[in-house]
Amino acid sequence: MMSQQQRFIQLPLVGVILLGFLLGVYLVVWRFFAKPDPEIVKHTVDTPAEDALKYWTADKMRKAKPAKMPKTDDLKRRKQEPRRPSV
């Protein structure tokens, strides 16, 4: 009777260990093939803040136009399925 209880406990334990191992392998492979983050570009500003405050008068602020924003449609595209050769 004791061996059946040990076997009953060992099988789920082996399954949990195997599942953990497979999950670890999956995470390592996923991280390896993941796309790198886009590079962040930093730059310094040589103009003092006081000069910017003097430049932007109320009249210039009223006449200012918004800058064009980048298109984000390209980010929504997904990988296309390969075409099957026609017979």
PDB file of N, CA and C in Angstrom:
ATOM      1  N   MET A   1       0.828  -1.198   0.000  1.00  0.00           N
ATOM      2  CA  MET A   1       0.000   0.000   0.000  1.00  0.00           C
ATOM      3  C   MET A   1       0.871   1.260   0.000  1.00  0.00           C
ATOM      4  N   MET A   2       1.991   1.188   0.653  1.00  0.00           N
ATOM      5  CA  MET A   2       2.871   2.342   0.750  1.00  0.00           C
ATOM      6  C   MET A   2       3.471   2.697  -0.600  1.00  0.00           C
ATOM      7  N   SER A   3       3.815   1.720  -1.431  1.00  0.00           N
ATOM      8  CA  SER A   3       4.433   1.992  -2.717  1.00  0.00           C
ATOM      9  C   SER A   3       3.450   2.680  -3.669  1.00  0.00           C
ATOM     10  N   GLN A   4       2.165   2.376  -3.556  1.00  0.00           N
ATOM     11  CA  GLN A   4       1.172   3.028  -4.404  1.00  0.00           C
ATOM     12  C   GLN A   4       1.061   4.510  -4.045  1.00  0.00           C
ATOM     13  N   GLN A   5       1.166   4.840  -2.755  1.00  0.00           N
ATOM     14  CA  GLN A   5       1.090   6.242  -2.345  1.00  0.00           C
ATOM     15  C   GLN A   5       2.333   7.000  -2.829  1.00  0.00           C
ATOM     16  N   GLN A   6       3.491   6.365  -2.720  1.00  0.00           N
ATOM     17  CA  GLN A   6       4.710   7.031  -3.185  1.00  0.00           C
ATOM     18  C   GLN A   6       4.653   7.251  -4.698  1.00  0.00           C
ATOM     19  N   ARG A   7       4.158   6.263  -5.417  1.00  0.00           N
ATOM     20  CA  ARG A   7       4.045   6.392  -6.868  1.00  0.00           C
ATOM     21  C   ARG A   7       3.040   7.478  -7.227  1.00  0.00           C
ATOM     22  N   PHE A   8       1.954   7.575  -6.465  1.00  0.00           N
ATOM     23  CA  PHE A   8       0.929   8.584  -6.700  1.00  0.00           C
ATOM     24  C   PHE A   8       1.502   9.991  -6.493  1.00  0.00           C
ATOM     25  N   ILE A   9       2.413  10.152  -5.565  1.00  0.00           N
ATOM     26  CA  ILE A   9       3.031  11.451  -5.302  1.00  0.00           C
ATOM     27  C   ILE A   9       4.130  11.731  -6.310  1.00  0.00           C
ATOM     28  N   GLN A  10       4.893  10.739  -6.711  1.00  0.00           N
ATOM     29  CA  GLN A  10       6.038  10.952  -7.595  1.00  0.00           C
ATOM     30  C   GLN A  10       5.616  11.350  -9.006  1.00  0.00           C
ATOM     31  N   LEU A  11       4.546  10.811  -9.533  1.00  0.00           N
ATOM     32  CA  LEU A  11       4.129  11.133 -10.893  1.00  0.00           C
ATOM     33  C   LEU A  11       3.772  12.613 -11.054  1.00  0.00           C
ATOM     34  N   PRO A  12       2.947  13.198 -10.180  1.00  0.00           N
ATOM     35  CA  PRO A  12       2.688  14.637 -10.327  1.00  0.00           C
ATOM     36  C   PRO A  12       3.947  15.480 -10.109  1.00  0.00           C
ATOM     37  N   LEU A  13       4.841  15.044  -9.234  1.00  0.00           N
ATOM     38  CA  LEU A  13       6.066  15.785  -8.981  1.00  0.00           C
ATOM     39  C   LEU A  13       6.937  15.797 -10.232  1.00  0.00           C
ATOM     40  N   VAL A  14       7.056  14.671 -10.905  1.00  0.00           N
ATOM     41  CA  VAL A  14       7.822  14.599 -12.148  1.00  0.00           C
ATOM     42  C   VAL A  14       7.162  15.485 -13.201  1.00  0.00           C
ATOM     43  N   GLY A  15       5.853  15.485 -13.271  1.00  0.00           N
ATOM     44  CA  GLY A  15       5.133  16.328 -14.233  1.00  0.00           C
ATOM     45  C   GLY A  15       5.360  17.810 -13.971  1.00  0.00           C
ATOM     46  N   VAL A  16       5.350  18.207 -12.701  1.00  0.00           N
ATOM     47  CA  VAL A  16       5.577  19.615 -12.355  1.00  0.00           C
ATOM     48  C   VAL A  16       7.006  20.020 -12.703  1.00  0.00           C
ATOM     49  N   ILE A  17       7.961  19.160 -12.423  1.00  0.00           N
ATOM     50  CA  ILE A  17       9.358  19.461 -12.747  1.00  0.00           C
ATOM     51  C   ILE A  17       9.528  19.572 -14.262  1.00  0.00           C
ATOM     52  N   LEU A  18       8.943  18.658 -15.009  1.00  0.00           N
ATOM     53  CA  LEU A  18       9.032  18.699 -16.471  1.00  0.00           C
ATOM     54  C   LEU A  18       8.353  19.954 -17.026  1.00  0.00           C
ATOM     55  N   LEU A  19       7.197  20.294 -16.485  1.00  0.00           N
ATOM     56  CA  LEU A  19       6.493  21.496 -16.931  1.00  0.00           C
ATOM     57  C   LEU A  19       7.313  22.749 -16.632  1.00  0.00           C
ATOM     58  N   GLY A  20       7.929  22.816 -15.469  1.00  0.00           N
ATOM     59  CA  GLY A  20       8.783  23.953 -15.133  1.00  0.00           C
ATOM     60  C   GLY A  20       9.979  24.055 -16.058  1.00  0.00           C
ATOM     61  N   PHE A  21      10.575  22.928 -16.376  1.00  0.00           N
ATOM     62  CA  PHE A  21      11.720  22.914 -17.288  1.00  0.00           C
ATOM     63  C   PHE A  21      11.308  23.401 -18.674  1.00  0.00           C
ATOM     64  N   LEU A  22      10.179  22.904 -19.191  1.00  0.00           N
ATOM     65  CA  LEU A  22       9.704  23.324 -20.503  1.00  0.00           C
ATOM     66  C   LEU A  22       9.353  24.812 -20.517  1.00  0.00           C
ATOM     67  N   LEU A  23       8.778  25.316 -19.448  1.00  0.00           N
ATOM     68  CA  LEU A  23       8.467  26.735 -19.349  1.00  0.00           C
ATOM     69  C   LEU A  23       9.747  27.573 -19.365  1.00  0.00           C
ATOM     70  N   GLY A  24      10.767  27.115 -18.660  1.00  0.00           N
ATOM     71  CA  GLY A  24      12.051  27.818 -18.662  1.00  0.00           C
ATOM     72  C   GLY A  24      12.679  27.844 -20.041  1.00  0.00           C
ATOM     73  N   VAL A  25      12.640  26.719 -20.745  1.00  0.00           N
ATOM     74  CA  VAL A  25      13.195  26.657 -22.102  1.00  0.00           C
ATOM     75  C   VAL A  25      12.414  27.589 -23.019  1.00  0.00           C
ATOM     76  N   TYR A  26      11.094  27.602 -22.892  1.00  0.00           N
ATOM     77  CA  TYR A  26      10.264  28.482 -23.709  1.00  0.00           C
ATOM     78  C   TYR A  26      10.614  29.954 -23.467  1.00  0.00           C
ATOM     79  N   LEU A  27      10.775  30.343 -22.219  1.00  0.00           N
ATOM     80  CA  LEU A  27      11.095  31.740 -21.910  1.00  0.00           C
ATOM     81  C   LEU A  27      12.463  32.137 -22.454  1.00  0.00           C
ATOM     82  N   VAL A  28      13.434  31.241 -22.374  1.00  0.00           N
ATOM     83  CA  VAL A  28      14.767  31.546 -22.904  1.00  0.00           C
ATOM     84  C   VAL A  28      14.705  31.701 -24.427  1.00  0.00           C
ATOM     85  N   VAL A  29      14.002  30.802 -25.103  1.00  0.00           N
ATOM     86  CA  VAL A  29      13.896  30.869 -26.558  1.00  0.00           C
ATOM     87  C   VAL A  29      13.109  32.113 -26.962  1.00  0.00           C
ATOM     88  N   TRP A  30      12.038  32.424 -26.252  1.00  0.00           N
ATOM     89  CA  TRP A  30      11.236  33.607 -26.555  1.00  0.00           C
ATOM     90  C   TRP A  30      12.062  34.879 -26.405  1.00  0.00           C
ATOM     91  N   ARG A  31      12.858  34.952 -25.372  1.00  0.00           N
ATOM     92  CA  ARG A  31      13.688  36.134 -25.154  1.00  0.00           C
ATOM     93  C   ARG A  31      14.769  36.239 -26.235  1.00  0.00           C
ATOM     94  N   PHE A  32      15.282  35.125 -26.676  1.00  0.00           N
ATOM     95  CA  PHE A  32      16.328  35.118 -27.696  1.00  0.00           C
ATOM     96  C   PHE A  32      15.797  35.622 -29.035  1.00  0.00           C
ATOM     97  N   PHE A  33      14.566  35.234 -29.395  1.00  0.00           N
ATOM     98  CA  PHE A  33      14.002  35.602 -30.690  1.00  0.00           C
ATOM     99  C   PHE A  33      13.140  36.855 -30.646  1.00  0.00           C
ATOM    100  N   ALA A  34      12.964  37.457 -29.485  1.00  0.00           N
ATOM    101  CA  ALA A  34      12.143  38.664 -29.385  1.00  0.00           C
ATOM    102  C   ALA A  34      12.816  39.818 -30.113  1.00  0.00           C
ATOM    103  N   LYS A  35      12.012  40.710 -30.659  1.00  0.00           N
ATOM    104  CA  LYS A  35      12.545  41.869 -31.356  1.00  0.00           C
ATOM    105  C   LYS A  35      13.209  42.800 -30.336  1.00  0.00           C
ATOM    106  N   PRO A  36      14.332  43.389 -30.703  1.00  0.00           N
ATOM    107  CA  PRO A  36      14.969  44.327 -29.777  1.00  0.00           C
ATOM    108  C   PRO A  36      14.150  45.611 -29.682  1.00  0.00           C
ATOM    109  N   ASP A  37      14.247  46.248 -28.537  1.00  0.00           N
ATOM    110  CA  ASP A  37      13.552  47.508 -28.340  1.00  0.00           C
ATOM    111  C   ASP A  37      14.140  48.560 -29.267  1.00  0.00           C
ATOM    112  N   PRO A  38      13.305  49.478 -29.752  1.00  0.00           N
ATOM    113  CA  PRO A  38      13.858  50.526 -30.611  1.00  0.00           C
ATOM    114  C   PRO A  38      14.846  51.380 -29.823  1.00  0.00           C
ATOM    115  N   GLU A  39      15.873  51.806 -30.503  1.00  0.00           N
ATOM    116  CA  GLU A  39      16.919  52.578 -29.844  1.00  0.00           C
ATOM    117  C   GLU A  39      16.390  53.971 -29.511  1.00  0.00           C
ATOM    118  N   ILE A  40      16.654  54.428 -28.317  1.00  0.00           N
ATOM    119  CA  ILE A  40      16.233  55.750 -27.878  1.00  0.00           C
ATOM    120  C   ILE A  40      17.356  56.725 -28.171  1.00  0.00           C
ATOM    121  N   VAL A  41      17.019  57.792 -28.879  1.00  0.00           N
ATOM    122  CA  VAL A  41      18.011  58.789 -29.249  1.00  0.00           C
ATOM    123  C   VAL A  41      17.915  59.953 -28.274  1.00  0.00           C
ATOM    124  N   LYS A  42      19.036  60.306 -27.663  1.00  0.00           N
ATOM    125  CA  LYS A  42      19.079  61.420 -26.729  1.00  0.00           C
ATOM    126  C   LYS A  42      19.936  62.525 -27.321  1.00  0.00           C
ATOM    127  N   HIS A  43      19.579  63.745 -27.039  1.00  0.00           N
ATOM    128  CA  HIS A  43      20.393  64.866 -27.478  1.00  0.00           C
ATOM    129  C   HIS A  43      20.330  65.962 -26.418  1.00  0.00           C
ATOM    130  N   THR A  44      21.295  66.826 -26.436  1.00  0.00           N
ATOM    131  CA  THR A  44      21.327  67.925 -25.479  1.00  0.00           C
ATOM    132  C   THR A  44      20.867  69.197 -26.163  1.00  0.00           C
ATOM    133  N   VAL A  45      20.373  70.115 -25.351  1.00  0.00           N
ATOM    134  CA  VAL A  45      19.918  71.405 -25.850  1.00  0.00           C
ATOM    135  C   VAL A  45      20.891  72.456 -25.341  1.00  0.00           C
ATOM    136  N   ASP A  46      21.475  73.204 -26.278  1.00  0.00           N
ATOM    137  CA  ASP A  46      22.464  74.208 -25.906  1.00  0.00           C
ATOM    138  C   ASP A  46      21.834  75.558 -25.578  1.00  0.00           C
ATOM    139  N   THR A  47      20.585  75.755 -25.946  1.00  0.00           N
ATOM    140  CA  THR A  47      19.928  77.038 -25.714  1.00  0.00           C
ATOM    141  C   THR A  47      19.421  77.121 -24.272  1.00  0.00           C
ATOM    142  N   PRO A  48      19.706  78.190 -23.574  1.00  0.00           N
ATOM    143  CA  PRO A  48      19.185  78.334 -22.210  1.00  0.00           C
ATOM    144  C   PRO A  48      17.656  78.484 -22.201  1.00  0.00           C
ATOM    145  N   ALA A  49      17.032  78.081 -21.121  1.00  0.00           N
ATOM    146  CA  ALA A  49      15.575  78.144 -20.994  1.00  0.00           C
ATOM    147  C   ALA A  49      15.065  79.580 -21.073  1.00  0.00           C
ATOM    148  N   GLU A  50      15.837  80.540 -20.596  1.00  0.00           N
ATOM    149  CA  GLU A  50      15.406  81.941 -20.616  1.00  0.00           C
ATOM    150  C   GLU A  50      15.222  82.432 -22.059  1.00  0.00           C
ATOM    151  N   ASP A  51      16.096  81.991 -22.964  1.00  0.00           N
ATOM    152  CA  ASP A  51      15.974  82.399 -24.362  1.00  0.00           C
ATOM    153  C   ASP A  51      14.692  81.843 -24.987  1.00  0.00           C
ATOM    154  N   ALA A  52      14.353  80.619 -24.635  1.00  0.00           N
ATOM    155  CA  ALA A  52      13.130  80.020 -25.159  1.00  0.00           C
ATOM    156  C   ALA A  52      11.906  80.767 -24.627  1.00  0.00           C
ATOM    157  N   LEU A  53      11.921  81.157 -23.367  1.00  0.00           N
ATOM    158  CA  LEU A  53      10.799  81.908 -22.797  1.00  0.00           C
ATOM    159  C   LEU A  53      10.664  83.280 -23.458  1.00  0.00           C
ATOM    160  N   LYS A  54      11.764  83.910 -23.792  1.00  0.00           N
ATOM    161  CA  LYS A  54      11.714  85.213 -24.472  1.00  0.00           C
ATOM    162  C   LYS A  54      11.185  85.052 -25.897  1.00  0.00           C
ATOM    163  N   TYR A  55      11.545  83.979 -26.568  1.00  0.00           N
ATOM    164  CA  TYR A  55      11.143  83.767 -27.956  1.00  0.00           C
ATOM    165  C   TYR A  55       9.648  83.518 -28.073  1.00  0.00           C
ATOM    166  N   TRP A  56       9.098  82.669 -27.207  1.00  0.00           N
ATOM    167  CA  TRP A  56       7.700  82.273 -27.329  1.00  0.00           C
ATOM    168  C   TRP A  56       6.785  83.287 -26.664  1.00  0.00           C
ATOM    169  N   THR A  57       6.451  84.320 -27.397  1.00  0.00           N
ATOM    170  CA  THR A  57       5.520  85.336 -26.913  1.00  0.00           C
ATOM    171  C   THR A  57       4.095  84.814 -27.088  1.00  0.00           C
ATOM    172  N   ALA A  58       3.139  85.531 -26.518  1.00  0.00           N
ATOM    173  CA  ALA A  58       1.726  85.133 -26.629  1.00  0.00           C
ATOM    174  C   ALA A  58       1.278  85.152 -28.080  1.00  0.00           C
ATOM    175  N   ASP A  59       1.749  86.110 -28.846  1.00  0.00           N
ATOM    176  CA  ASP A  59       1.369  86.205 -30.256  1.00  0.00           C
ATOM    177  C   ASP A  59       1.920  85.009 -31.046  1.00  0.00           C
ATOM    178  N   LYS A  60       3.168  84.622 -30.806  1.00  0.00           N
ATOM    179  CA  LYS A  60       3.756  83.471 -31.503  1.00  0.00           C
ATOM    180  C   LYS A  60       3.071  82.169 -31.094  1.00  0.00           C
ATOM    181  N   MET A  61       2.671  82.080 -29.847  1.00  0.00           N
ATOM    182  CA  MET A  61       1.969  80.866 -29.392  1.00  0.00           C
ATOM    183  C   MET A  61       0.616  80.729 -30.093  1.00  0.00           C
ATOM    184  N   ARG A  62      -0.088  81.842 -30.301  1.00  0.00           N
ATOM    185  CA  ARG A  62      -1.382  81.799 -30.984  1.00  0.00           C
ATOM    186  C   ARG A  62      -1.217  81.375 -32.447  1.00  0.00           C
ATOM    187  N   LYS A  63      -0.142  81.803 -33.088  1.00  0.00           N
ATOM    188  CA  LYS A  63       0.077  81.510 -34.502  1.00  0.00           C
ATOM    189  C   LYS A  63       0.785  80.164 -34.737  1.00  0.00           C
ATOM    190  N   ALA A  64       1.189  79.493 -33.680  1.00  0.00           N
ATOM    191  CA  ALA A  64       1.930  78.232 -33.821  1.00  0.00           C
ATOM    192  C   ALA A  64       1.033  77.142 -34.401  1.00  0.00           C
ATOM    193  N   LYS A  65       1.621  76.284 -35.208  1.00  0.00           N
ATOM    194  CA  LYS A  65       0.897  75.158 -35.812  1.00  0.00           C
ATOM    195  C   LYS A  65       1.480  73.857 -35.258  1.00  0.00           C
ATOM    196  N   PRO A  66       0.637  72.853 -35.069  1.00  0.00           N
ATOM    197  CA  PRO A  66       1.143  71.592 -34.526  1.00  0.00           C
ATOM    198  C   PRO A  66       2.088  70.888 -35.498  1.00  0.00           C
ATOM    199  N   ALA A  67       3.034  70.171 -34.953  1.00  0.00           N
ATOM    200  CA  ALA A  67       3.976  69.411 -35.772  1.00  0.00           C
ATOM    201  C   ALA A  67       3.292  68.151 -36.294  1.00  0.00           C
ATOM    202  N   LYS A  68       3.746  67.668 -37.441  1.00  0.00           N
ATOM    203  CA  LYS A  68       3.190  66.432 -37.991  1.00  0.00           C
ATOM    204  C   LYS A  68       3.640  65.260 -37.132  1.00  0.00           C
ATOM    205  N   MET A  69       2.703  64.387 -36.823  1.00  0.00           N
ATOM    206  CA  MET A  69       2.997  63.216 -36.012  1.00  0.00           C
ATOM    207  C   MET A  69       3.346  62.040 -36.920  1.00  0.00           C
ATOM    208  N   PRO A  70       4.186  61.129 -36.457  1.00  0.00           N
ATOM    209  CA  PRO A  70       4.530  59.968 -37.285  1.00  0.00           C
ATOM    210  C   PRO A  70       3.336  59.037 -37.439  1.00  0.00           C
ATOM    211  N   LYS A  71       3.293  58.343 -38.569  1.00  0.00           N
ATOM    212  CA  LYS A  71       2.213  57.381 -38.801  1.00  0.00           C
ATOM    213  C   LYS A  71       2.516  56.111 -38.022  1.00  0.00           C
ATOM    214  N   THR A  72       1.487  55.578 -37.383  1.00  0.00           N
ATOM    215  CA  THR A  72       1.669  54.358 -36.601  1.00  0.00           C
ATOM    216  C   THR A  72       0.991  53.160 -37.236  1.00  0.00           C
ATOM    217  N   ASP A  73       0.550  53.290 -38.472  1.00  0.00           N
ATOM    218  CA  ASP A  73      -0.114  52.165 -39.142  1.00  0.00           C
ATOM    219  C   ASP A  73       0.834  50.993 -39.343  1.00  0.00           C
ATOM    220  N   ASP A  74       2.120  51.273 -39.508  1.00  0.00           N
ATOM    221  CA  ASP A  74       3.088  50.210 -39.751  1.00  0.00           C
ATOM    222  C   ASP A  74       3.229  49.284 -38.549  1.00  0.00           C
ATOM    223  N   LEU A  75       2.937  49.766 -37.360  1.00  0.00           N
ATOM    224  CA  LEU A  75       3.083  48.940 -36.169  1.00  0.00           C
ATOM    225  C   LEU A  75       1.996  47.880 -36.073  1.00  0.00           C
ATOM    226  N   LYS A  76       0.864  48.106 -36.721  1.00  0.00           N
ATOM    227  CA  LYS A  76      -0.249  47.174 -36.611  1.00  0.00           C
ATOM    228  C   LYS A  76      -0.140  46.012 -37.589  1.00  0.00           C
ATOM    229  N   ARG A  77       0.768  46.111 -38.543  1.00  0.00           N
ATOM    230  CA  ARG A  77       0.904  45.036 -39.521  1.00  0.00           C
ATOM    231  C   ARG A  77       1.435  43.782 -38.845  1.00  0.00           C
ATOM    232  N   ARG A  78       0.924  42.679 -39.277  1.00  0.00           N
ATOM    233  CA  ARG A  78       1.378  41.403 -38.741  1.00  0.00           C
ATOM    234  C   ARG A  78       2.074  40.626 -39.833  1.00  0.00           C
ATOM    235  N   LYS A  79       2.750  39.598 -39.420  1.00  0.00           N
ATOM    236  CA  LYS A  79       3.455  38.760 -40.383  1.00  0.00           C
ATOM    237  C   LYS A  79       2.442  38.095 -41.294  1.00  0.00           C
ATOM    238  N   GLN A  80       2.662  38.199 -42.585  1.00  0.00           N
ATOM    239  CA  GLN A  80       1.747  37.606 -43.539  1.00  0.00           C
ATOM    240  C   GLN A  80       2.071  36.130 -43.719  1.00  0.00           C
ATOM    241  N   GLU A  81       1.041  35.373 -43.924  1.00  0.00           N
ATOM    242  CA  GLU A  81       1.207  33.940 -44.156  1.00  0.00           C
ATOM    243  C   GLU A  81       1.889  33.732 -45.506  1.00  0.00           C
ATOM    244  N   PRO A  82       2.813  32.795 -45.590  1.00  0.00           N
ATOM    245  CA  PRO A  82       3.466  32.548 -46.895  1.00  0.00           C
ATOM    246  C   PRO A  82       2.449  31.997 -47.891  1.00  0.00           C
ATOM    247  N   ARG A  83       2.603  32.411 -49.129  1.00  0.00           N
ATOM    248  CA  ARG A  83       1.693  31.941 -50.170  1.00  0.00           C
ATOM    249  C   ARG A  83       2.044  30.522 -50.565  1.00  0.00           C
ATOM    250  N   ARG A  84       1.012  29.758 -50.754  1.00  0.00           N
ATOM    251  CA  ARG A  84       1.218  28.377 -51.205  1.00  0.00           C
ATOM    252  C   ARG A  84       1.331  28.366 -52.710  1.00  0.00           C
ATOM    253  N   PRO A  85       2.243  27.590 -53.246  1.00  0.00           N
ATOM    254  CA  PRO A  85       2.367  27.556 -54.708  1.00  0.00           C
ATOM    255  C   PRO A  85       1.107  26.969 -55.338  1.00  0.00           C
ATOM    256  N   SER A  86       0.690  27.586 -56.429  1.00  0.00           N
ATOM    257  CA  SER A  86      -0.507  27.090 -57.112  1.00  0.00           C
ATOM    258  C   SER A  86      -0.146  25.839 -57.913  1.00  0.00           C
ATOM    259  N   VAL A  87      -1.111  24.956 -57.981  1.00  0.00           N
ATOM    260  CA  VAL A  87      -0.895  23.682 -58.682  1.00  0.00           C
ATOM    261  C   VAL A  87      -1.362  23.751 -60.093  1.00  0.00           C
TER     262      VAL A  87
END
